[in-house]
Amino acid sequence: MTRHEHSIGVVGAGRVGAVLAAALRSAGHEVVAAAGESDASRRRIAALLPGVTVAKPTDVARGCDLLLLTVPDDMLSNVVSVLSASGAIREGQVVVHTSGRHGLAVLEPAREIGARTIAVHPAMTFTGTEVDLPRLPGCVFGVTADDADRGLAESVVADLGGRPMWVPEERRALYHAGLAHGANHLVTLVTEAMEILSAAGADDPAATLRPLLTAALDNALADGDAALTGPIVRGDVETVRAHVAGLLADAPQTLASYVALAHATLDRAVTDGRLLPIRASRMLRVLADAEAAAGSAGTPADHRR
């Protein structure tokens, strides 16, 4: 793997872009310019990339040999098209985006000009501050690249401290769905759990949950379904009935996700043989009653709609 020092421009100095550019700068590359329109983006540039010129996206693209596009997924296609049509992207330039959902197809306008295109997505959540930098070493990056550019992609990921996971073009959305379901929905789940504990009187719901969630996450990552505990897998129907009654009364905003995840947990417990179908059918009636009660109360608990 041959390493080449690049002059780097970053378009989209959000939580991801500014951090990755700072990491590449630390690896010896020169960050020549960054584009960021919001006040938050400009603060990130000042904090993480001191001395780097703030410029328009077209000027950033023209001034670098590796262009890092870290804009939101739904904006990426338009940004690539505009930069390509304006002549800001040129033959031989390296164009890298960090979208999880997209692969190489979204970069086709740049590739038609003769640019080398790579998709490099960090499987990491970002704060957009310097605390993210020590989290990058060992991070997995979902990478899609042509065979001719695999070495280049490996070099970029190595300079970011990560390791590549090669994702076929047609599996990018599936790859990203796995990450979003595991991480983004986890935040919603944990936040709702803290709301429930607060309603139960907890002064510090985060401290109450931390050891339990840390152990549950470690066990789930190591053992999958075998790590599952709790009233669903035990078939404790009356406990679940009490749960939904309490949620409906004191934390109704959390009932929809509780019922949806209870259904999913129940299916998995039955499939792997840990819960007998007759007990599962009683649990299903409890969940159906919860959905009906929530509907009568105006709470959107029917996850199947």
Protein backbone atom coordinates (compact mmCIF):
# COMPACT_ATOMS: atom_id res chain seq x y z
CA MET A 1 0.00 0.00 0.00
CA THR A 2 1.64 3.18 -1.24
CA ARG A 3 1.06 6.31 0.85
CA HIS A 4 0.76 9.70 -0.80
CA GLU A 5 0.39 13.01 1.00
CA HIS A 6 -2.63 14.92 -0.26
CA SER A 7 -3.78 18.50 -0.25
CA ILE A 8 -7.24 18.15 1.20
CA GLY A 9 -10.37 20.24 0.87
CA VAL A 10 -13.50 19.53 2.88
CA VAL A 11 -17.00 20.56 1.84
CA GLY A 12 -19.41 20.30 4.74
CA ALA A 13 -17.60 21.04 7.99
CA GLY A 14 -20.21 19.37 10.15
CA ARG A 15 -19.61 16.97 13.01
CA VAL A 16 -17.98 14.41 10.73
CA GLY A 17 -16.14 16.53 8.20
CA ALA A 18 -14.16 18.74 10.54
CA VAL A 19 -13.07 15.78 12.67
CA LEU A 20 -11.96 13.62 9.73
CA ALA A 21 -10.10 16.54 8.18
CA ALA A 22 -8.33 17.16 11.49
CA ALA A 23 -7.36 13.48 11.68
CA LEU A 24 -5.94 13.57 8.14
CA ARG A 25 -4.06 16.73 9.00
CA SER A 26 -2.52 14.98 12.00
CA ALA A 27 -1.48 12.14 9.68
CA GLY A 28 0.60 14.56 7.63
CA HIS A 29 -1.77 15.77 4.93
CA GLU A 30 -2.32 19.48 4.29
CA VAL A 31 -5.88 20.71 4.70
CA VAL A 32 -5.97 23.68 2.35
CA ALA A 33 -9.56 24.87 2.63
CA ALA A 34 -12.94 24.07 4.14
CA ALA A 35 -16.49 25.10 3.30
CA GLY A 36 -19.04 25.60 6.05
CA GLU A 37 -22.00 27.95 5.89
CA SER A 38 -23.41 27.75 9.40
CA ASP A 39 -21.97 29.42 12.46
CA ALA A 40 -21.52 25.97 14.02
CA SER A 41 -19.49 24.78 11.04
CA ARG A 42 -17.26 27.83 11.15
CA ARG A 43 -16.68 27.30 14.87
CA ARG A 44 -15.66 23.70 14.17
CA ILE A 45 -13.23 24.84 11.49
CA ALA A 46 -11.69 27.35 13.88
CA ALA A 47 -11.43 24.80 16.70
CA LEU A 48 -10.33 21.69 14.81
CA LEU A 49 -8.64 23.19 11.75
CA PRO A 50 -7.01 26.42 12.96
CA GLY A 51 -5.50 28.46 10.17
CA VAL A 52 -7.43 26.69 7.40
CA THR A 53 -9.06 28.99 4.86
CA VAL A 54 -12.86 29.08 4.82
CA ALA A 55 -14.03 29.24 1.20
CA LYS A 56 -16.91 28.53 -1.15
CA PRO A 57 -17.39 24.85 -2.12
CA THR A 58 -16.22 25.48 -5.69
CA ASP A 59 -13.05 27.18 -4.48
CA VAL A 60 -12.40 24.38 -2.01
CA ALA A 61 -12.74 21.78 -4.76
CA ARG A 62 -10.46 23.65 -7.15
CA GLY A 63 -7.71 24.03 -4.56
CA CYS A 64 -7.20 20.41 -3.48
CA ASP A 65 -6.25 17.05 -4.91
CA LEU A 66 -8.41 15.08 -2.43
CA LEU A 67 -11.91 16.45 -1.97
CA LEU A 68 -13.76 15.28 1.12
CA LEU A 69 -17.54 15.62 0.80
CA THR A 70 -19.19 15.37 4.20
CA VAL A 71 -22.59 16.90 3.48
CA PRO A 72 -25.92 15.29 4.50
CA ASP A 73 -26.97 12.26 2.45
CA ASP A 74 -29.88 13.97 0.71
CA MET A 75 -27.67 16.90 -0.38
CA LEU A 76 -24.80 14.82 -1.71
CA SER A 77 -26.07 14.19 -5.23
CA ASN A 78 -26.75 17.87 -5.85
CA VAL A 79 -23.37 18.93 -4.44
CA VAL A 80 -21.52 16.48 -6.68
CA SER A 81 -23.51 17.55 -9.74
CA VAL A 82 -22.96 21.27 -9.12
CA LEU A 83 -19.23 20.92 -8.44
CA SER A 84 -18.77 18.70 -11.48
CA ALA A 85 -20.79 20.93 -13.82
CA SER A 86 -18.94 24.05 -12.65
CA GLY A 87 -15.55 22.59 -13.52
CA ALA A 88 -14.43 22.59 -9.89
CA ILE A 89 -13.76 18.84 -10.03
CA ARG A 90 -11.08 17.72 -12.46
CA GLU A 91 -9.56 14.61 -14.00
CA GLY A 92 -7.30 12.67 -11.64
CA GLN A 93 -8.65 14.33 -8.51
CA VAL A 94 -9.71 12.06 -5.65
CA VAL A 95 -13.31 12.61 -4.52
CA VAL A 96 -14.32 10.92 -1.27
CA HIS A 97 -17.73 11.05 0.38
CA THR A 98 -18.62 9.87 3.88
CA SER A 99 -22.28 8.94 3.41
CA GLY A 100 -23.29 5.57 4.80
CA ARG A 101 -26.22 5.14 2.47
CA HIS A 102 -24.50 6.04 -0.79
CA GLY A 103 -21.83 4.16 -2.69
CA LEU A 104 -20.14 5.18 -5.93
CA ALA A 105 -23.22 5.84 -8.06
CA VAL A 106 -23.82 9.22 -6.44
CA LEU A 107 -20.31 10.27 -7.50
CA GLU A 108 -20.86 9.36 -11.16
CA PRO A 109 -20.75 13.00 -12.40
CA ALA A 110 -17.25 13.31 -10.92
CA ARG A 111 -16.19 9.95 -12.31
CA GLU A 112 -17.35 10.93 -15.80
CA ILE A 113 -14.89 13.83 -15.65
CA GLY A 114 -12.10 11.41 -14.74
CA ALA A 115 -11.97 11.79 -10.96
CA ARG A 116 -11.16 8.81 -8.75
CA THR A 117 -14.16 8.18 -6.50
CA ILE A 118 -14.40 6.45 -3.13
CA ALA A 119 -17.12 6.02 -0.49
CA VAL A 120 -15.71 5.95 3.06
CA HIS A 121 -18.16 5.92 5.96
CA PRO A 122 -17.03 5.81 9.61
CA ALA A 123 -19.14 3.47 11.75
CA MET A 124 -18.97 5.95 14.61
CA THR A 125 -21.11 8.65 16.18
CA PHE A 126 -19.57 12.12 16.27
CA THR A 127 -19.83 15.15 18.55
CA GLY A 128 -17.89 17.40 16.16
CA THR A 129 -15.27 18.17 18.80
CA GLU A 130 -11.74 17.05 19.63
CA VAL A 131 -13.10 14.26 21.85
CA ASP A 132 -13.89 12.35 18.64
CA LEU A 133 -10.26 12.15 17.53
CA PRO A 134 -9.08 9.44 19.97
CA ARG A 135 -12.17 7.40 19.08
CA LEU A 136 -11.10 6.98 15.45
CA PRO A 137 -8.24 4.49 15.94
CA GLY A 138 -9.68 1.04 15.35
CA CYS A 139 -12.96 2.42 13.99
CA VAL A 140 -14.47 0.43 11.12
CA PHE A 141 -15.09 2.35 7.89
CA GLY A 142 -17.62 1.07 5.38
CA VAL A 143 -15.72 1.39 2.08
CA THR A 144 -16.87 1.08 -1.52
CA ALA A 145 -14.30 1.54 -4.27
CA ASP A 146 -13.37 0.24 -7.69
CA ASP A 147 -10.71 -2.44 -7.72
CA ALA A 148 -8.18 0.04 -9.07
CA ASP A 149 -8.79 2.37 -6.11
CA ARG A 150 -8.81 -0.15 -3.26
CA GLY A 151 -5.23 0.63 -2.32
CA LEU A 152 -5.98 4.35 -2.25
CA ALA A 153 -9.06 3.73 -0.11
CA GLU A 154 -7.06 1.58 2.31
CA SER A 155 -4.46 4.34 2.59
CA VAL A 156 -7.06 6.99 3.43
CA VAL A 157 -8.71 4.77 6.04
CA ALA A 158 -5.33 3.87 7.55
CA ASP A 159 -4.45 7.56 7.89
CA LEU A 160 -7.73 8.03 9.74
CA GLY A 161 -6.68 5.27 12.14
CA GLY A 162 -9.43 2.95 10.97
CA ARG A 163 -9.85 -0.38 9.26
CA PRO A 164 -11.95 -1.00 6.15
CA MET A 165 -15.08 -3.08 5.80
CA TRP A 166 -15.67 -3.58 2.09
CA VAL A 167 -19.34 -2.94 1.25
CA PRO A 168 -20.71 -3.80 -2.22
CA GLU A 169 -22.49 -0.94 -3.98
CA GLU A 170 -25.87 -2.67 -3.79
CA ARG A 171 -25.54 -3.28 -0.02
CA ARG A 172 -24.76 0.28 1.08
CA ALA A 173 -28.32 1.04 2.25
CA LEU A 174 -28.49 -2.25 4.14
CA TYR A 175 -25.12 -1.59 5.79
CA HIS A 176 -26.28 1.87 6.86
CA ALA A 177 -29.64 0.57 8.11
CA GLY A 178 -27.83 -1.79 10.46
CA LEU A 179 -25.80 1.05 11.93
CA ALA A 180 -28.77 3.43 12.22
CA HIS A 181 -31.00 0.80 13.79
CA GLY A 182 -28.32 -0.12 16.31
CA ALA A 183 -27.06 3.36 17.20
CA ASN A 184 -29.69 5.99 16.39
CA HIS A 185 -32.61 3.95 17.65
CA LEU A 186 -30.59 3.03 20.72
CA VAL A 187 -30.43 6.71 21.64
CA THR A 188 -34.22 6.95 21.38
CA LEU A 189 -34.64 3.77 23.44
CA VAL A 190 -32.27 4.91 26.18
CA THR A 191 -33.83 8.37 26.33
CA GLU A 192 -37.29 6.86 26.72
CA ALA A 193 -36.01 4.50 29.42
CA MET A 194 -34.68 7.53 31.32
CA GLU A 195 -38.06 9.24 30.96
CA ILE A 196 -39.79 6.19 32.43
CA LEU A 197 -37.39 6.05 35.37
CA SER A 198 -37.85 9.76 35.97
CA ALA A 199 -41.60 9.20 36.10
CA ALA A 200 -40.93 6.44 38.64
CA GLY A 201 -39.01 8.90 40.83
CA ALA A 202 -35.38 8.35 39.89
CA ASP A 203 -33.20 11.36 40.70
CA ASP A 204 -30.45 10.25 38.32
CA PRO A 205 -31.91 7.88 35.72
CA ALA A 206 -28.67 7.84 33.71
CA ALA A 207 -26.69 6.54 36.70
CA THR A 208 -29.40 3.95 37.35
CA LEU A 209 -29.24 2.66 33.79
CA ARG A 210 -25.51 2.89 33.07
CA PRO A 211 -24.27 -0.38 34.64
CA LEU A 212 -27.29 -2.30 33.38
CA LEU A 213 -27.04 -1.00 29.82
CA THR A 214 -23.28 -1.42 29.67
CA ALA A 215 -23.59 -5.07 30.70
CA ALA A 216 -26.54 -5.67 28.37
CA LEU A 217 -24.71 -4.14 25.40
CA ASP A 218 -21.52 -6.11 26.04
CA ASN A 219 -23.49 -9.34 26.45
CA ALA A 220 -25.60 -8.74 23.33
CA LEU A 221 -22.53 -7.98 21.19
CA ALA A 222 -20.85 -11.13 22.45
CA ASP A 223 -23.77 -13.57 22.54
CA GLY A 224 -26.66 -12.18 20.50
CA ASP A 225 -30.09 -13.55 21.47
CA ALA A 226 -28.53 -15.76 24.14
CA ALA A 227 -27.96 -12.61 26.21
CA LEU A 228 -31.67 -11.87 26.38
CA THR A 229 -33.19 -11.72 29.86
CA GLY A 230 -36.35 -10.22 31.34
CA PRO A 231 -40.09 -10.81 31.49
CA ILE A 232 -40.69 -11.50 27.77
CA VAL A 233 -38.24 -14.41 27.52
CA ARG A 234 -39.39 -15.72 30.92
CA GLY A 235 -43.03 -15.56 29.84
CA ASP A 236 -44.00 -13.32 32.77
CA VAL A 237 -47.31 -12.22 31.31
CA GLU A 238 -48.59 -10.38 34.35
CA THR A 239 -45.35 -8.41 34.66
CA VAL A 240 -45.71 -7.19 31.10
CA ARG A 241 -49.36 -6.36 31.76
CA ALA A 242 -48.27 -4.24 34.73
CA HIS A 243 -45.60 -2.56 32.59
CA VAL A 244 -48.02 -1.41 29.92
CA ALA A 245 -50.53 -0.22 32.51
CA GLY A 246 -47.86 1.87 34.21
CA LEU A 247 -46.59 3.30 30.92
CA LEU A 248 -50.09 4.18 29.75
CA ALA A 249 -50.72 6.02 33.00
CA ASP A 250 -47.41 7.82 33.56
CA ALA A 251 -45.23 7.68 30.42
CA PRO A 252 -47.60 7.22 27.47
CA GLN A 253 -45.09 8.68 24.98
CA THR A 254 -42.94 5.57 25.45
CA LEU A 255 -45.66 2.94 25.03
CA ALA A 256 -45.42 2.66 21.23
CA SER A 257 -41.76 1.66 21.25
CA TYR A 258 -42.21 -0.61 24.28
CA VAL A 259 -44.96 -2.55 22.50
CA ALA A 260 -43.06 -2.66 19.18
CA LEU A 261 -39.89 -3.98 20.82
CA ALA A 262 -41.90 -6.40 22.98
CA HIS A 263 -43.37 -7.87 19.79
CA ALA A 264 -39.90 -8.21 18.22
CA THR A 265 -38.45 -9.73 21.41
CA LEU A 266 -41.36 -12.14 21.68
CA ASP A 267 -40.86 -13.32 18.08
CA ARG A 268 -37.16 -13.98 18.71
CA ALA A 269 -37.82 -15.80 21.99
CA VAL A 270 -40.35 -18.10 20.32
CA THR A 271 -38.15 -18.72 17.29
CA ASP A 272 -35.15 -19.85 19.36
CA GLY A 273 -37.36 -22.08 21.55
CA ARG A 274 -36.96 -20.21 24.81
CA LEU A 275 -40.68 -19.37 25.07
CA LEU A 276 -43.49 -21.85 24.42
CA PRO A 277 -46.10 -20.76 21.85
CA ILE A 278 -48.98 -21.09 24.34
CA ARG A 279 -47.36 -18.60 26.70
CA ALA A 280 -46.43 -16.38 23.77
CA SER A 281 -50.08 -16.26 22.70
CA ARG A 282 -51.04 -14.96 26.15
CA MET A 283 -48.31 -12.32 25.86
CA LEU A 284 -49.63 -11.30 22.44
CA ARG A 285 -53.08 -10.71 23.92
CA VAL A 286 -51.56 -8.43 26.57
CA LEU A 287 -49.78 -6.43 23.87
CA ALA A 288 -52.93 -6.25 21.75
CA ASP A 289 -54.87 -4.96 24.76
CA ALA A 290 -52.14 -2.36 25.30
CA GLU A 291 -52.43 -1.17 21.72
CA ALA A 292 -56.22 -0.96 22.00
CA ALA A 293 -56.03 0.96 25.27
CA ALA A 294 -53.46 3.33 23.84
CA GLY A 295 -55.63 3.93 20.80
CA SER A 296 -58.60 4.75 22.98
CA ALA A 297 -56.45 7.22 24.92
CA GLY A 298 -55.07 8.82 21.75
CA THR A 299 -51.55 7.36 22.15
CA PRO A 300 -50.00 6.17 18.82
CA ALA A 301 -48.94 2.72 20.10
CA ASP A 302 -49.86 0.63 17.04
CA HIS A 303 -46.42 -0.02 15.55
CA ARG A 304 -47.97 -1.99 12.68
CA ARG A 305 -49.72 1.01 11.07
